[in-house]
Amino acid sequence: VTRTLGIARFGEFTLVIGTAQTITG
């Protein structure tokens, strides 16, 4: 994931996952 997306797009992916994790928690 990190090598495919790079740091900026991986950050975008991270924020999507983080939003879901925060709501679930």
PDB file of all heavy atoms in Angstrom:
ATOM      1  N   VAL A   1       0.827  -1.209   0.000  1.00  0.00           N
ATOM      2  CA  VAL A   1       0.000   0.000   0.000  1.00  0.00           C
ATOM      3  C   VAL A   1       0.860   1.257   0.000  1.00  0.00           C
ATOM      4  O   VAL A   1       0.638   2.179  -0.799  1.00  0.00           O
ATOM      5  CB  VAL A   1      -0.952   0.007   1.217  1.00  0.00           C
ATOM      6  CG1 VAL A   1      -1.772   1.290   1.246  1.00  0.00           C
ATOM      7  CG2 VAL A   1      -1.875  -1.189   1.186  1.00  0.00           C
ATOM      8  N   THR A   2       1.841   1.323   0.889  1.00  0.00           N
ATOM      9  CA  THR A   2       2.651   2.548   0.997  1.00  0.00           C
ATOM     10  C   THR A   2       3.488   2.782  -0.255  1.00  0.00           C
ATOM     11  O   THR A   2       3.602   3.922  -0.724  1.00  0.00           O
ATOM     12  CB  THR A   2       3.570   2.475   2.225  1.00  0.00           C
ATOM     13  OG1 THR A   2       4.316   1.250   2.198  1.00  0.00           O
ATOM     14  CG2 THR A   2       2.754   2.536   3.506  1.00  0.00           C
ATOM     15  N   ARG A   3       4.073   1.732  -0.800  1.00  0.00           N
ATOM     16  CA  ARG A   3       4.912   1.903  -1.993  1.00  0.00           C
ATOM     17  C   ARG A   3       4.077   2.177  -3.239  1.00  0.00           C
ATOM     18  O   ARG A   3       4.561   2.812  -4.186  1.00  0.00           O
ATOM     19  CB  ARG A   3       5.802   0.684  -2.186  1.00  0.00           C
ATOM     20  CG  ARG A   3       6.923   0.588  -1.144  1.00  0.00           C
ATOM     21  CD  ARG A   3       7.794  -0.641  -1.353  1.00  0.00           C
ATOM     22  NE  ARG A   3       8.908  -0.673  -0.409  1.00  0.00           N
ATOM     23  CZ  ARG A   3      10.089  -0.106  -0.614  1.00  0.00           C
ATOM     24  NH1 ARG A   3      10.310   0.562  -1.746  1.00  0.00           N
ATOM     25  NH2 ARG A   3      11.046  -0.186   0.283  1.00  0.00           N
ATOM     26  N   THR A   4       2.848   1.698  -3.267  1.00  0.00           N
ATOM     27  CA  THR A   4       1.982   1.956  -4.417  1.00  0.00           C
ATOM     28  C   THR A   4       1.412   3.361  -4.387  1.00  0.00           C
ATOM     29  O   THR A   4       1.406   4.075  -5.399  1.00  0.00           O
ATOM     30  CB  THR A   4       0.825   0.934  -4.463  1.00  0.00           C
ATOM     31  OG1 THR A   4       1.363  -0.384  -4.555  1.00  0.00           O
ATOM     32  CG2 THR A   4      -0.072   1.191  -5.670  1.00  0.00           C
ATOM     33  N   LEU A   5       0.935   3.797  -3.241  1.00  0.00           N
ATOM     34  CA  LEU A   5       0.247   5.077  -3.147  1.00  0.00           C
ATOM     35  C   LEU A   5       1.178   6.250  -2.891  1.00  0.00           C
ATOM     36  O   LEU A   5       0.866   7.386  -3.277  1.00  0.00           O
ATOM     37  CB  LEU A   5      -0.808   5.023  -2.032  1.00  0.00           C
ATOM     38  CG  LEU A   5      -1.976   4.048  -2.233  1.00  0.00           C
ATOM     39  CD1 LEU A   5      -2.923   4.094  -1.031  1.00  0.00           C
ATOM     40  CD2 LEU A   5      -2.734   4.363  -3.518  1.00  0.00           C
ATOM     41  N   GLY A   6       2.321   6.034  -2.218  1.00  0.00           N
ATOM     42  CA  GLY A   6       3.159   7.147  -1.820  1.00  0.00           C
ATOM     43  C   GLY A   6       2.615   7.790  -0.554  1.00  0.00           C
ATOM     44  O   GLY A   6       1.494   7.518  -0.130  1.00  0.00           O
ATOM     45  N   ILE A   7       3.402   8.667   0.036  1.00  0.00           N
ATOM     46  CA  ILE A   7       3.064   9.159   1.363  1.00  0.00           C
ATOM     47  C   ILE A   7       1.799  10.023   1.370  1.00  0.00           C
ATOM     48  O   ILE A   7       0.986   9.960   2.295  1.00  0.00           O
ATOM     49  CB  ILE A   7       4.262   9.937   1.972  1.00  0.00           C
ATOM     50  CG1 ILE A   7       4.014  10.169   3.470  1.00  0.00           C
ATOM     51  CG2 ILE A   7       4.521  11.231   1.230  1.00  0.00           C
ATOM     52  CD1 ILE A   7       5.257  10.655   4.196  1.00  0.00           C
ATOM     53  N   ALA A   8       1.561  10.818   0.318  1.00  0.00           N
ATOM     54  CA  ALA A   8       0.395  11.707   0.313  1.00  0.00           C
ATOM     55  C   ALA A   8      -0.895  10.916   0.128  1.00  0.00           C
ATOM     56  O   ALA A   8      -1.862  11.090   0.885  1.00  0.00           O
ATOM     57  CB  ALA A   8       0.541  12.753  -0.785  1.00  0.00           C
ATOM     58  N   ARG A   9      -0.937  10.045  -0.884  1.00  0.00           N
ATOM     59  CA  ARG A   9      -2.167   9.265  -1.114  1.00  0.00           C
ATOM     60  C   ARG A   9      -2.364   8.211  -0.028  1.00  0.00           C
ATOM     61  O   ARG A   9      -3.505   7.855   0.301  1.00  0.00           O
ATOM     62  CB  ARG A   9      -2.139   8.626  -2.494  1.00  0.00           C
ATOM     63  CG  ARG A   9      -2.358   9.630  -3.630  1.00  0.00           C
ATOM     64  CD  ARG A   9      -2.630   8.935  -4.943  1.00  0.00           C
ATOM     65  NE  ARG A   9      -1.487   8.103  -5.342  1.00  0.00           N
ATOM     66  CZ  ARG A   9      -1.544   7.158  -6.271  1.00  0.00           C
ATOM     67  NH1 ARG A   9      -2.702   6.895  -6.879  1.00  0.00           N
ATOM     68  NH2 ARG A   9      -0.476   6.464  -6.583  1.00  0.00           N
ATOM     69  N   PHE A  10      -1.256   7.697   0.531  1.00  0.00           N
ATOM     70  CA  PHE A  10      -1.421   6.793   1.664  1.00  0.00           C
ATOM     71  C   PHE A  10      -2.027   7.541   2.850  1.00  0.00           C
ATOM     72  O   PHE A  10      -2.818   6.974   3.613  1.00  0.00           O
ATOM     73  CB  PHE A  10      -0.077   6.181   2.071  1.00  0.00           C
ATOM     74  CG  PHE A  10      -0.165   5.316   3.298  1.00  0.00           C
ATOM     75  CD1 PHE A  10      -0.743   4.055   3.245  1.00  0.00           C
ATOM     76  CD2 PHE A  10       0.322   5.768   4.518  1.00  0.00           C
ATOM     77  CE1 PHE A  10      -0.844   3.264   4.381  1.00  0.00           C
ATOM     78  CE2 PHE A  10       0.234   4.983   5.658  1.00  0.00           C
ATOM     79  CZ  PHE A  10      -0.345   3.729   5.579  1.00  0.00           C
ATOM     80  N   GLY A  11      -1.654   8.810   3.007  1.00  0.00           N
ATOM     81  CA  GLY A  11      -2.265   9.612   4.056  1.00  0.00           C
ATOM     82  C   GLY A  11      -3.756   9.750   3.852  1.00  0.00           C
ATOM     83  O   GLY A  11      -4.545   9.678   4.814  1.00  0.00           O
ATOM     84  N   GLU A  12      -4.185   9.915   2.604  1.00  0.00           N
ATOM     85  CA  GLU A  12      -5.618   9.993   2.301  1.00  0.00           C
ATOM     86  C   GLU A  12      -6.307   8.674   2.667  1.00  0.00           C
ATOM     87  O   GLU A  12      -7.376   8.663   3.290  1.00  0.00           O
ATOM     88  CB  GLU A  12      -5.803  10.294   0.812  1.00  0.00           C
ATOM     89  CG  GLU A  12      -7.220  10.619   0.414  1.00  0.00           C
ATOM     90  CD  GLU A  12      -7.309  11.031  -1.050  1.00  0.00           C
ATOM     91  OE1 GLU A  12      -6.277  10.997  -1.746  1.00  0.00           O
ATOM     92  OE2 GLU A  12      -8.418  11.367  -1.492  1.00  0.00           O
ATOM     93  N   PHE A  13      -5.695   7.574   2.292  1.00  0.00           N
ATOM     94  CA  PHE A  13      -6.204   6.244   2.636  1.00  0.00           C
ATOM     95  C   PHE A  13      -6.268   6.061   4.152  1.00  0.00           C
ATOM     96  O   PHE A  13      -7.253   5.547   4.703  1.00  0.00           O
ATOM     97  CB  PHE A  13      -5.282   5.192   2.004  1.00  0.00           C
ATOM     98  CG  PHE A  13      -5.571   3.776   2.424  1.00  0.00           C
ATOM     99  CD1 PHE A  13      -6.672   3.094   1.932  1.00  0.00           C
ATOM    100  CD2 PHE A  13      -4.726   3.114   3.296  1.00  0.00           C
ATOM    101  CE1 PHE A  13      -6.932   1.781   2.310  1.00  0.00           C
ATOM    102  CE2 PHE A  13      -4.975   1.809   3.683  1.00  0.00           C
ATOM    103  CZ  PHE A  13      -6.082   1.143   3.189  1.00  0.00           C
ATOM    104  N   THR A  14      -5.243   6.521   4.835  1.00  0.00           N
ATOM    105  CA  THR A  14      -5.179   6.430   6.293  1.00  0.00           C
ATOM    106  C   THR A  14      -6.328   7.178   6.952  1.00  0.00           C
ATOM    107  O   THR A  14      -6.926   6.703   7.926  1.00  0.00           O
ATOM    108  CB  THR A  14      -3.838   7.012   6.771  1.00  0.00           C
ATOM    109  OG1 THR A  14      -2.803   6.087   6.495  1.00  0.00           O
ATOM    110  CG2 THR A  14      -3.854   7.303   8.262  1.00  0.00           C
ATOM    111  N   LEU A  15      -6.658   8.350   6.445  1.00  0.00           N
ATOM    112  CA  LEU A  15      -7.720   9.144   7.045  1.00  0.00           C
ATOM    113  C   LEU A  15      -9.088   8.480   6.862  1.00  0.00           C
ATOM    114  O   LEU A  15      -9.950   8.581   7.736  1.00  0.00           O
ATOM    115  CB  LEU A  15      -7.720  10.548   6.446  1.00  0.00           C
ATOM    116  CG  LEU A  15      -6.484  11.394   6.802  1.00  0.00           C
ATOM    117  CD1 LEU A  15      -6.472  12.701   6.020  1.00  0.00           C
ATOM    118  CD2 LEU A  15      -6.441  11.666   8.300  1.00  0.00           C
ATOM    119  N   VAL A  16      -9.285   7.799   5.741  1.00  0.00           N
ATOM    120  CA  VAL A  16     -10.533   7.058   5.536  1.00  0.00           C
ATOM    121  C   VAL A  16     -10.642   5.932   6.553  1.00  0.00           C
ATOM    122  O   VAL A  16     -11.669   5.765   7.234  1.00  0.00           O
ATOM    123  CB  VAL A  16     -10.597   6.489   4.104  1.00  0.00           C
ATOM    124  CG1 VAL A  16     -11.778   5.523   3.968  1.00  0.00           C
ATOM    125  CG2 VAL A  16     -10.720   7.611   3.084  1.00  0.00           C
ATOM    126  N   ILE A  17      -9.574   5.141   6.673  1.00  0.00           N
ATOM    127  CA  ILE A  17      -9.578   4.020   7.616  1.00  0.00           C
ATOM    128  C   ILE A  17      -9.707   4.539   9.041  1.00  0.00           C
ATOM    129  O   ILE A  17     -10.435   3.984   9.874  1.00  0.00           O
ATOM    130  CB  ILE A  17      -8.300   3.176   7.466  1.00  0.00           C
ATOM    131  CG1 ILE A  17      -8.132   2.694   6.015  1.00  0.00           C
ATOM    132  CG2 ILE A  17      -8.342   1.982   8.414  1.00  0.00           C
ATOM    133  CD1 ILE A  17      -9.264   1.852   5.508  1.00  0.00           C
ATOM    134  N   GLY A  18      -8.997   5.620   9.357  1.00  0.00           N
ATOM    135  CA  GLY A  18      -9.045   6.185  10.709  1.00  0.00           C
ATOM    136  C   GLY A  18     -10.424   6.684  11.085  1.00  0.00           C
ATOM    137  O   GLY A  18     -10.847   6.558  12.244  1.00  0.00           O
ATOM    138  N   THR A  19     -11.139   7.264  10.130  1.00  0.00           N
ATOM    139  CA  THR A  19     -12.508   7.720  10.407  1.00  0.00           C
ATOM    140  C   THR A  19     -13.400   6.542  10.777  1.00  0.00           C
ATOM    141  O   THR A  19     -14.159   6.594  11.757  1.00  0.00           O
ATOM    142  CB  THR A  19     -13.083   8.445   9.173  1.00  0.00           C
ATOM    143  OG1 THR A  19     -12.268   9.585   8.871  1.00  0.00           O
ATOM    144  CG2 THR A  19     -14.508   8.901   9.431  1.00  0.00           C
ATOM    145  N   ALA A  20     -13.309   5.465  10.007  1.00  0.00           N
ATOM    146  CA  ALA A  20     -14.118   4.272  10.293  1.00  0.00           C
ATOM    147  C   ALA A  20     -13.753   3.668  11.639  1.00  0.00           C
ATOM    148  O   ALA A  20     -14.622   3.259  12.416  1.00  0.00           O
ATOM    149  CB  ALA A  20     -13.939   3.239   9.181  1.00  0.00           C
ATOM    150  N   GLN A  21     -12.465   3.604  11.945  1.00  0.00           N
ATOM    151  CA  GLN A  21     -12.020   3.038  13.214  1.00  0.00           C
ATOM    152  C   GLN A  21     -12.495   3.873  14.400  1.00  0.00           C
ATOM    153  O   GLN A  21     -12.857   3.338  15.455  1.00  0.00           O
ATOM    154  CB  GLN A  21     -10.498   2.929  13.224  1.00  0.00           C
ATOM    155  CG  GLN A  21      -9.958   1.870  12.286  1.00  0.00           C
ATOM    156  CD  GLN A  21      -8.443   1.814  12.298  1.00  0.00           C
ATOM    157  OE1 GLN A  21      -7.789   2.725  12.801  1.00  0.00           O
ATOM    158  NE2 GLN A  21      -7.890   0.760  11.750  1.00  0.00           N
ATOM    159  N   THR A  22     -12.476   5.187  14.241  1.00  0.00           N
ATOM    160  CA  THR A  22     -12.918   6.062  15.322  1.00  0.00           C
ATOM    161  C   THR A  22     -14.400   5.858  15.606  1.00  0.00           C
ATOM    162  O   THR A  22     -14.820   5.757  16.772  1.00  0.00           O
ATOM    163  CB  THR A  22     -12.647   7.530  14.962  1.00  0.00           C
ATOM    164  OG1 THR A  22     -11.237   7.703  14.739  1.00  0.00           O
ATOM    165  CG2 THR A  22     -13.079   8.453  16.083  1.00  0.00           C
ATOM    166  N   ILE A  23     -15.206   5.786  14.555  1.00  0.00           N
ATOM    167  CA  ILE A  23     -16.648   5.572  14.736  1.00  0.00           C
ATOM    168  C   ILE A  23     -16.910   4.207  15.359  1.00  0.00           C
ATOM    169  O   ILE A  23     -17.712   4.071  16.300  1.00  0.00           O
ATOM    170  CB  ILE A  23     -17.371   5.701  13.385  1.00  0.00           C
ATOM    171  CG1 ILE A  23     -17.283   7.142  12.880  1.00  0.00           C
ATOM    172  CG2 ILE A  23     -18.833   5.263  13.507  1.00  0.00           C
ATOM    173  CD1 ILE A  23     -17.761   7.325  11.463  1.00  0.00           C
ATOM    174  N   THR A  24     -16.237   3.177  14.862  1.00  0.00           N
ATOM    175  CA  THR A  24     -16.430   1.826  15.395  1.00  0.00           C
ATOM    176  C   THR A  24     -16.036   1.764  16.864  1.00  0.00           C
ATOM    177  O   THR A  24     -16.714   1.143  17.684  1.00  0.00           O
ATOM    178  CB  THR A  24     -15.606   0.808  14.585  1.00  0.00           C
ATOM    179  OG1 THR A  24     -15.929   0.923  13.206  1.00  0.00           O
ATOM    180  CG2 THR A  24     -15.890  -0.611  15.039  1.00  0.00           C
ATOM    181  N   GLY A  25     -14.926   2.401  17.216  1.00  0.00           N
ATOM    182  CA  GLY A  25     -14.491   2.418  18.602  1.00  0.00           C
ATOM    183  C   GLY A  25     -15.429   3.200  19.501  1.00  0.00           C
ATOM    184  O   GLY A  25     -15.611   2.856  20.672  1.00  0.00           O
TER     185      GLY A  25
END
